[in-house]
Amino acid sequence: MPKNKTHSGTSKRVRVTGKGKLRRQQTGLRHKLEKKSSRVTRRLSGTEELAKADVKRVKKLLGR
C-alpha cells in the first residue's frame, strides 16, 4: 500500500500542538483593517482551538 498524502491546504492552515490539539488562525484579519479598532485587531491576533465539530474531519485530512 502506498502512503497516504496529507491535505496540503489543511496543513498550511492548522497546527497540531504537542498534546494533539488543533489550532487555527482567527478570521477577519486580512483586509479592511482601517475600519476595525485596535481592540478588535488585538483580539483577533493569535490562534484559537478548532471547533469540536470539525476536529474529526480535519484530523483525517492531516492523516492523523
Protein backbone atom coordinates (compact mmCIF):
# COMPACT_ATOMS: atom_id res chain seq x y z
CA MET A 1 0.00 0.00 0.00
CA PRO A 2 1.30 3.48 -0.80
CA LYS A 3 1.47 6.10 1.92
CA ASN A 4 -1.47 8.46 2.37
CA LYS A 5 -0.81 12.09 1.48
CA THR A 6 -1.75 14.87 3.85
CA HIS A 7 -4.07 17.58 2.53
CA SER A 8 -1.60 20.40 1.86
CA GLY A 9 -4.23 23.16 2.11
CA THR A 10 -5.26 22.00 5.56
CA SER A 11 -1.68 21.53 6.75
CA LYS A 12 -0.96 25.18 5.90
CA ARG A 13 -3.96 26.39 7.93
CA VAL A 14 -3.91 24.15 11.01
CA ARG A 15 -1.15 23.42 13.53
CA VAL A 16 -1.08 20.42 15.86
CA THR A 17 0.05 21.07 19.43
CA GLY A 18 2.22 18.75 21.48
CA LYS A 19 -0.86 17.25 23.12
CA GLY A 20 -2.52 16.70 19.73
CA LYS A 21 -4.97 19.58 19.82
CA LEU A 22 -5.64 21.53 16.62
CA ARG A 23 -5.10 25.30 16.50
CA ARG A 24 -6.06 27.71 13.73
CA GLN A 25 -5.68 31.41 12.98
CA GLN A 26 -8.74 33.53 13.74
CA THR A 27 -10.62 35.03 10.80
CA GLY A 28 -11.10 38.67 9.95
CA LEU A 29 -7.51 39.92 9.99
CA ARG A 30 -6.72 40.06 6.27
CA HIS A 31 -8.40 43.19 4.93
CA LYS A 32 -10.47 46.25 5.88
CA LEU A 33 -8.20 46.75 8.86
CA GLU A 34 -8.60 50.54 8.76
CA LYS A 35 -12.23 50.20 9.80
CA LYS A 36 -11.51 47.80 12.64
CA SER A 37 -10.50 49.18 16.02
CA SER A 38 -7.13 48.33 17.54
CA ARG A 39 -9.02 46.47 20.23
CA VAL A 40 -10.56 44.15 17.65
CA THR A 41 -7.32 43.52 15.75
CA ARG A 42 -5.55 42.63 19.01
CA ARG A 43 -8.34 40.22 19.91
CA LEU A 44 -8.10 38.54 16.53
CA SER A 45 -4.33 38.07 16.70
CA GLY A 46 -3.06 34.69 17.83
CA THR A 47 -4.58 31.26 17.39
CA GLU A 48 -7.70 29.57 18.65
CA GLU A 49 -8.66 25.94 19.13
CA LEU A 50 -10.53 24.27 16.28
CA ALA A 51 -14.27 23.77 16.76
CA LYS A 52 -15.13 20.37 18.22
CA ALA A 53 -17.40 19.56 15.26
CA ASP A 54 -14.51 19.96 12.78
CA VAL A 55 -11.79 18.05 14.65
CA LYS A 56 -12.56 14.59 13.28
CA ARG A 57 -12.71 15.77 9.66
CA VAL A 58 -9.53 17.86 9.85
CA LYS A 59 -7.54 15.11 11.58
CA LYS A 60 -8.47 12.80 8.71
CA LEU A 61 -7.22 15.36 6.19
CA LEU A 62 -3.95 15.66 8.11
CA GLY A 63 -3.52 11.89 8.14
CA ARG A 64 -3.81 11.54 11.93
